[in-house]
Amino acid sequence: RRSLMCSSAPPEEESRAERKRTRQSKREDPALLALRAASATACAPFVALGRAGELSAADARRLTGGELLAGPCLCSPARSMALVRHHYTMSVSWALYTKEWMDALSGFLLRRGITRVLEVCAGLGALTEPMRARGLEWTATDVHPQPVHPNAARPICEPIECGAWSAVGRFASAQAVFWSWWQQDELDEDFQVVWQCCQSGRPVIFVGEGEGGVTGSPMLWRSGVPIEPFADAAARHGETFYDVPCWPGCTDRTWIVAEPACSVSLRLKAATLEPM
């Protein structure tokens, strides 16, 4: 009772102060600092490959399989892998874009005459140069072209500053729209972008987890818009699609809005799924 009577700070201020003390104690923990340093060192070669667009499927298996862990990391492998993933996502991208995946996606699009692709929510712009090198006119946009997270690295190829909804209208010449890891708690803007693309006859391709995962709004998954794995669309035409690898505990894959329930569904299907 005495401590409550003498306390002059409101509860919310005390809570903030306690969180700050906790963060400081974590920063000063030598074991944690060593673990962070070791995880960053182990991840560094893969970050360099990812930022250069040169990460292979074999590299991704090594990165996600724990083979790179050594020293302090071996004492806490699960925590070390979480730190490795954090370091990679802050330096490259949330998804693991491999050369095989980029070859498969760009090849599928180019064989169907789709050359102009708009990427929304592009983050650090990891795909821009690799996809341009593969023959696509790849335009990356993001509402925050400069990273807002304090631990994020500098952009690989700085996106054009533009929100997703606005970008779809602004870059109307794009023949397809792409995004990756749109968080599931961001209302229904991803669905609004899909519907906008349906009305203009543009396919939407995205990377993330399926319904019930951590990406894609409930509105997107429950709206009835036909979404299918990209690999299934490719397989129908005898093509092999090398999908993105997954971090431990994640279920990433590439998806396509194949036959939108709108007036341009037949035209969209012809543009994306029928061989030319």
Protein backbone atom coordinates (compact mmCIF):
# COMPACT_ATOMS: atom_id res chain seq x y z
CA ARG A 1 0.00 0.00 0.00
CA ARG A 2 2.84 2.37 0.87
CA SER A 3 4.54 1.78 -2.44
CA LEU A 4 1.32 2.50 -4.28
CA MET A 5 0.75 5.70 -2.32
CA CYS A 6 4.29 6.92 -2.95
CA SER A 7 4.34 6.07 -6.63
CA SER A 8 3.94 9.20 -8.74
CA ALA A 9 4.24 7.59 -12.19
CA PRO A 10 1.06 6.47 -13.99
CA PRO A 11 0.82 2.70 -14.62
CA GLU A 12 1.45 3.08 -18.35
CA GLU A 13 4.66 5.04 -17.70
CA GLU A 14 5.84 2.41 -15.22
CA SER A 15 5.12 -0.24 -17.82
CA ARG A 16 7.15 1.63 -20.45
CA ALA A 17 10.01 2.08 -18.01
CA GLU A 18 9.98 -1.62 -17.18
CA ARG A 19 10.06 -2.58 -20.86
CA LYS A 20 12.97 -0.22 -21.38
CA ARG A 21 14.89 -1.79 -18.47
CA THR A 22 14.19 -5.24 -19.92
CA ARG A 23 15.50 -4.21 -23.33
CA GLN A 24 18.61 -2.72 -21.76
CA SER A 25 19.28 -5.85 -19.74
CA LYS A 26 18.95 -7.96 -22.89
CA ARG A 27 21.36 -5.71 -24.76
CA GLU A 28 23.86 -6.05 -21.94
CA ASP A 29 23.60 -9.85 -21.73
CA PRO A 30 26.99 -11.11 -23.00
CA ALA A 31 25.57 -14.51 -23.96
CA LEU A 32 22.84 -12.94 -26.07
CA LEU A 33 25.28 -10.53 -27.69
CA ALA A 34 27.56 -13.43 -28.57
CA LEU A 35 24.63 -15.38 -30.00
CA ARG A 36 23.53 -12.44 -32.11
CA ALA A 37 27.04 -11.87 -33.40
CA ALA A 38 27.54 -15.54 -34.23
CA SER A 39 24.17 -15.73 -36.01
CA ALA A 40 24.92 -12.62 -38.05
CA THR A 41 28.32 -14.01 -39.02
CA ALA A 42 26.83 -17.33 -40.07
CA CYS A 43 24.15 -15.58 -42.13
CA ALA A 44 26.41 -12.99 -43.76
CA PRO A 45 27.45 -15.02 -46.87
CA PHE A 46 23.81 -15.84 -47.59
CA VAL A 47 22.79 -12.21 -47.15
CA ALA A 48 25.39 -11.25 -49.73
CA LEU A 49 24.02 -13.86 -52.14
CA GLY A 50 20.43 -12.78 -51.52
CA ARG A 51 21.17 -9.11 -52.07
CA ALA A 52 22.97 -9.95 -55.31
CA GLY A 53 20.11 -12.14 -56.54
CA GLU A 54 22.42 -15.16 -56.52
CA LEU A 55 20.92 -17.33 -53.77
CA SER A 56 20.46 -20.88 -55.07
CA ALA A 57 18.10 -23.58 -53.85
CA ALA A 58 21.13 -25.42 -52.42
CA ASP A 59 22.19 -22.26 -50.57
CA ALA A 60 18.67 -21.90 -49.16
CA ARG A 61 18.73 -25.48 -47.89
CA ARG A 62 21.98 -24.79 -46.06
CA LEU A 63 20.61 -21.53 -44.68
CA THR A 64 17.37 -23.02 -43.36
CA GLY A 65 18.69 -26.45 -42.40
CA GLY A 66 20.93 -25.34 -39.56
CA GLU A 67 24.14 -26.49 -41.23
CA LEU A 68 25.71 -23.08 -40.83
CA LEU A 69 25.34 -22.97 -37.05
CA ALA A 70 28.58 -23.15 -35.10
CA GLY A 71 30.14 -21.94 -31.86
CA PRO A 72 27.65 -20.20 -29.53
CA CYS A 73 24.82 -21.00 -31.96
CA LEU A 74 25.05 -24.70 -31.17
CA CYS A 75 24.07 -24.05 -27.56
CA SER A 76 20.71 -22.65 -28.63
CA PRO A 77 19.94 -23.78 -32.21
CA ALA A 78 16.25 -22.77 -32.24
CA ARG A 79 16.98 -19.29 -31.01
CA SER A 80 19.95 -19.01 -33.34
CA MET A 81 17.82 -19.90 -36.35
CA ALA A 82 15.29 -17.25 -35.31
CA LEU A 83 18.12 -14.70 -35.19
CA VAL A 84 19.47 -15.89 -38.55
CA ARG A 85 16.04 -15.47 -40.11
CA HIS A 86 15.63 -12.02 -38.56
CA HIS A 87 19.01 -10.94 -39.88
CA TYR A 88 18.20 -12.20 -43.39
CA THR A 89 14.74 -10.64 -43.54
CA MET A 90 16.07 -7.29 -42.35
CA SER A 91 18.83 -7.40 -44.95
CA VAL A 92 17.17 -9.01 -48.00
CA SER A 93 13.50 -10.05 -47.93
CA TRP A 94 10.93 -12.00 -45.94
CA ALA A 95 10.72 -14.73 -48.56
CA LEU A 96 13.69 -16.73 -49.86
CA TYR A 97 13.98 -15.84 -53.54
CA THR A 98 16.26 -18.35 -55.25
CA LYS A 99 17.71 -18.25 -58.75
CA GLU A 100 15.65 -21.30 -59.64
CA TRP A 101 12.44 -19.61 -58.49
CA MET A 102 13.22 -16.41 -60.38
CA ASP A 103 14.04 -18.39 -63.55
CA ALA A 104 10.78 -20.34 -63.29
CA LEU A 105 8.56 -17.32 -62.61
CA SER A 106 10.11 -15.06 -65.24
CA GLY A 107 10.09 -17.85 -67.82
CA PHE A 108 6.43 -18.61 -67.23
CA LEU A 109 5.48 -14.96 -67.68
CA LEU A 110 7.67 -14.30 -70.70
CA ARG A 111 6.35 -17.36 -72.54
CA ARG A 112 2.88 -15.83 -72.22
CA GLY A 113 3.89 -12.39 -73.44
CA ILE A 114 3.83 -10.79 -69.98
CA THR A 115 6.85 -8.52 -69.72
CA ARG A 116 5.75 -5.58 -67.55
CA VAL A 117 5.35 -6.45 -63.87
CA LEU A 118 4.47 -4.13 -61.01
CA GLU A 119 5.67 -5.11 -57.56
CA VAL A 120 3.87 -3.51 -54.61
CA CYS A 121 5.08 -3.58 -51.01
CA ALA A 122 8.55 -4.25 -52.43
CA GLY A 123 10.52 -3.65 -49.23
CA LEU A 124 14.24 -3.43 -50.01
CA GLY A 125 13.69 -4.06 -53.71
CA ALA A 126 15.50 -7.43 -53.79
CA LEU A 127 13.79 -8.61 -56.99
CA THR A 128 14.16 -5.54 -59.19
CA GLU A 129 17.57 -6.09 -60.77
CA PRO A 130 17.44 -9.92 -60.95
CA MET A 131 14.06 -9.85 -62.69
CA ARG A 132 15.14 -7.11 -65.08
CA ALA A 133 18.19 -9.21 -65.93
CA ARG A 134 15.78 -12.01 -66.88
CA GLY A 135 13.96 -9.84 -69.40
CA LEU A 136 11.09 -8.40 -67.37
CA GLU A 137 10.29 -4.70 -67.04
CA TRP A 138 10.05 -4.90 -63.25
CA THR A 139 8.80 -1.83 -61.39
CA ALA A 140 9.09 -1.93 -57.58
CA THR A 141 7.00 0.32 -55.33
CA ASP A 142 6.55 0.70 -51.60
CA VAL A 143 4.78 3.20 -49.38
CA HIS A 144 8.07 3.41 -47.39
CA PRO A 145 10.95 3.31 -49.90
CA GLN A 146 13.36 3.75 -47.03
CA PRO A 147 13.20 1.06 -44.30
CA VAL A 148 11.29 2.04 -41.17
CA HIS A 149 12.63 -0.80 -38.99
CA PRO A 150 15.73 0.31 -37.05
CA ASN A 151 17.55 -2.95 -37.85
CA ALA A 152 16.79 -2.96 -41.58
CA ALA A 153 19.59 -2.64 -44.11
CA ARG A 154 19.72 -0.04 -46.86
CA PRO A 155 17.58 -0.78 -49.93
CA ILE A 156 19.08 -3.06 -52.56
CA CYS A 157 17.24 -1.14 -55.29
CA GLU A 158 15.15 1.65 -53.80
CA PRO A 159 11.47 1.27 -54.72
CA ILE A 160 9.36 4.11 -56.04
CA GLU A 161 7.41 5.70 -53.19
CA CYS A 162 3.80 4.73 -53.72
CA GLY A 163 1.13 2.83 -51.81
CA ALA A 164 -0.14 -0.44 -53.26
CA TRP A 165 -3.62 0.75 -54.24
CA SER A 166 -2.27 3.92 -55.83
CA ALA A 167 0.49 2.04 -57.64
CA VAL A 168 -1.97 -0.24 -59.45
CA GLY A 169 -3.66 2.83 -60.90
CA ARG A 170 -0.48 4.81 -61.47
CA PHE A 171 1.32 2.03 -63.36
CA ALA A 172 -1.63 1.01 -65.49
CA SER A 173 0.61 -0.34 -68.24
CA ALA A 174 1.82 -3.19 -66.00
CA GLN A 175 0.51 -6.55 -67.24
CA ALA A 176 0.79 -8.32 -63.87
CA VAL A 177 1.05 -7.38 -60.20
CA PHE A 178 3.27 -9.09 -57.64
CA TRP A 179 3.80 -8.88 -53.90
CA SER A 180 5.33 -10.97 -51.13
CA TRP A 181 4.45 -11.45 -47.48
CA TRP A 182 1.56 -9.03 -47.12
CA GLN A 183 0.77 -9.30 -43.41
CA GLN A 184 -2.61 -10.79 -42.54
CA ASP A 185 -3.49 -8.07 -40.02
CA GLU A 186 -3.47 -5.19 -42.54
CA LEU A 187 -7.23 -5.00 -43.04
CA ASP A 188 -8.31 -5.87 -46.59
CA GLU A 189 -6.09 -3.75 -48.83
CA ASP A 190 -4.62 -6.84 -50.49
CA PHE A 191 -8.12 -7.93 -51.50
CA GLN A 192 -8.86 -4.43 -52.79
CA VAL A 193 -5.71 -4.59 -54.95
CA VAL A 194 -6.75 -8.02 -56.27
CA TRP A 195 -10.20 -6.77 -57.15
CA GLN A 196 -8.77 -3.69 -58.84
CA CYS A 197 -6.51 -5.94 -60.92
CA CYS A 198 -9.41 -8.22 -61.80
CA GLN A 199 -11.32 -5.28 -63.20
CA SER A 200 -8.41 -4.31 -65.43
CA GLY A 201 -7.64 -7.88 -66.48
CA ARG A 202 -4.28 -8.21 -64.78
CA PRO A 203 -3.13 -11.38 -63.03
CA VAL A 204 -1.95 -11.16 -59.44
CA ILE A 205 0.92 -13.29 -58.20
CA PHE A 206 2.07 -13.33 -54.61
CA VAL A 207 4.29 -15.24 -52.18
CA GLY A 208 3.21 -16.14 -48.68
CA GLU A 209 1.47 -18.68 -46.51
CA GLY A 210 -1.96 -20.04 -47.33
CA GLU A 211 -5.26 -19.43 -45.57
CA GLY A 212 -4.80 -19.53 -41.81
CA GLY A 213 -1.16 -18.49 -42.07
CA VAL A 214 0.45 -15.18 -41.18
CA THR A 215 0.08 -13.57 -44.62
CA GLY A 216 -2.95 -12.40 -46.54
CA SER A 217 -5.97 -10.75 -44.98
CA PRO A 218 -9.01 -12.86 -44.00
CA MET A 219 -10.95 -10.92 -46.63
CA LEU A 220 -8.57 -12.08 -49.35
CA TRP A 221 -8.83 -15.74 -48.42
CA ARG A 222 -12.57 -15.78 -47.67
CA SER A 223 -13.82 -13.57 -50.48
CA GLY A 224 -14.28 -16.38 -52.96
CA VAL A 225 -11.64 -15.04 -55.32
CA PRO A 226 -10.12 -18.16 -56.89
CA ILE A 227 -6.54 -18.40 -55.65
CA GLU A 228 -4.42 -21.41 -56.52
CA PRO A 229 -0.79 -22.46 -56.07
CA PHE A 230 1.29 -21.19 -58.95
CA ALA A 231 2.86 -24.64 -59.33
CA ASP A 232 -0.58 -26.09 -60.16
CA ALA A 233 -1.09 -23.54 -62.93
CA ALA A 234 2.31 -24.40 -64.38
CA ALA A 235 1.80 -28.15 -64.07
CA ARG A 236 -1.38 -28.03 -66.18
CA HIS A 237 0.82 -27.02 -69.10
CA GLY A 238 3.60 -29.49 -68.44
CA GLU A 239 5.90 -26.94 -66.82
CA THR A 240 7.93 -27.50 -63.67
CA PHE A 241 7.82 -24.63 -61.21
CA TYR A 242 10.52 -24.35 -58.56
CA ASP A 243 8.79 -22.66 -55.65
CA VAL A 244 10.36 -20.58 -52.89
CA PRO A 245 12.02 -22.51 -50.04
CA CYS A 246 10.64 -22.10 -46.53
CA TRP A 247 12.11 -21.11 -43.22
CA PRO A 248 11.53 -23.64 -40.42
CA GLY A 249 7.93 -23.36 -39.26
CA CYS A 250 6.79 -21.45 -42.37
CA THR A 251 4.72 -22.71 -45.29
CA ASP A 252 5.53 -20.19 -48.02
CA ARG A 253 4.56 -20.80 -51.61
CA THR A 254 3.74 -18.82 -54.72
CA TRP A 255 0.06 -18.15 -55.52
CA ILE A 256 -1.87 -16.81 -58.49
CA VAL A 257 -5.34 -15.36 -58.81
CA ALA A 258 -6.25 -17.61 -61.71
CA GLU A 259 -9.87 -16.96 -62.69
CA PRO A 260 -11.19 -13.87 -60.91
CA ALA A 261 -14.94 -13.71 -60.44
CA CYS A 262 -15.42 -10.59 -62.54
CA SER A 263 -16.32 -9.57 -66.07
CA VAL A 264 -12.79 -10.07 -67.41
CA SER A 265 -12.25 -13.59 -66.06
CA LEU A 266 -12.01 -15.24 -69.48
CA ARG A 267 -9.60 -12.62 -70.78
CA LEU A 268 -7.48 -12.92 -67.64
CA LYS A 269 -7.42 -16.69 -67.90
CA ALA A 270 -6.25 -16.49 -71.49
CA ALA A 271 -3.54 -14.01 -70.56
CA THR A 272 -2.12 -16.04 -67.71
CA LEU A 273 -2.84 -19.70 -68.13
CA GLU A 274 -3.33 -20.51 -71.80
CA PRO A 275 -0.21 -21.14 -73.90
CA MET A 276 0.43 -18.64 -76.66
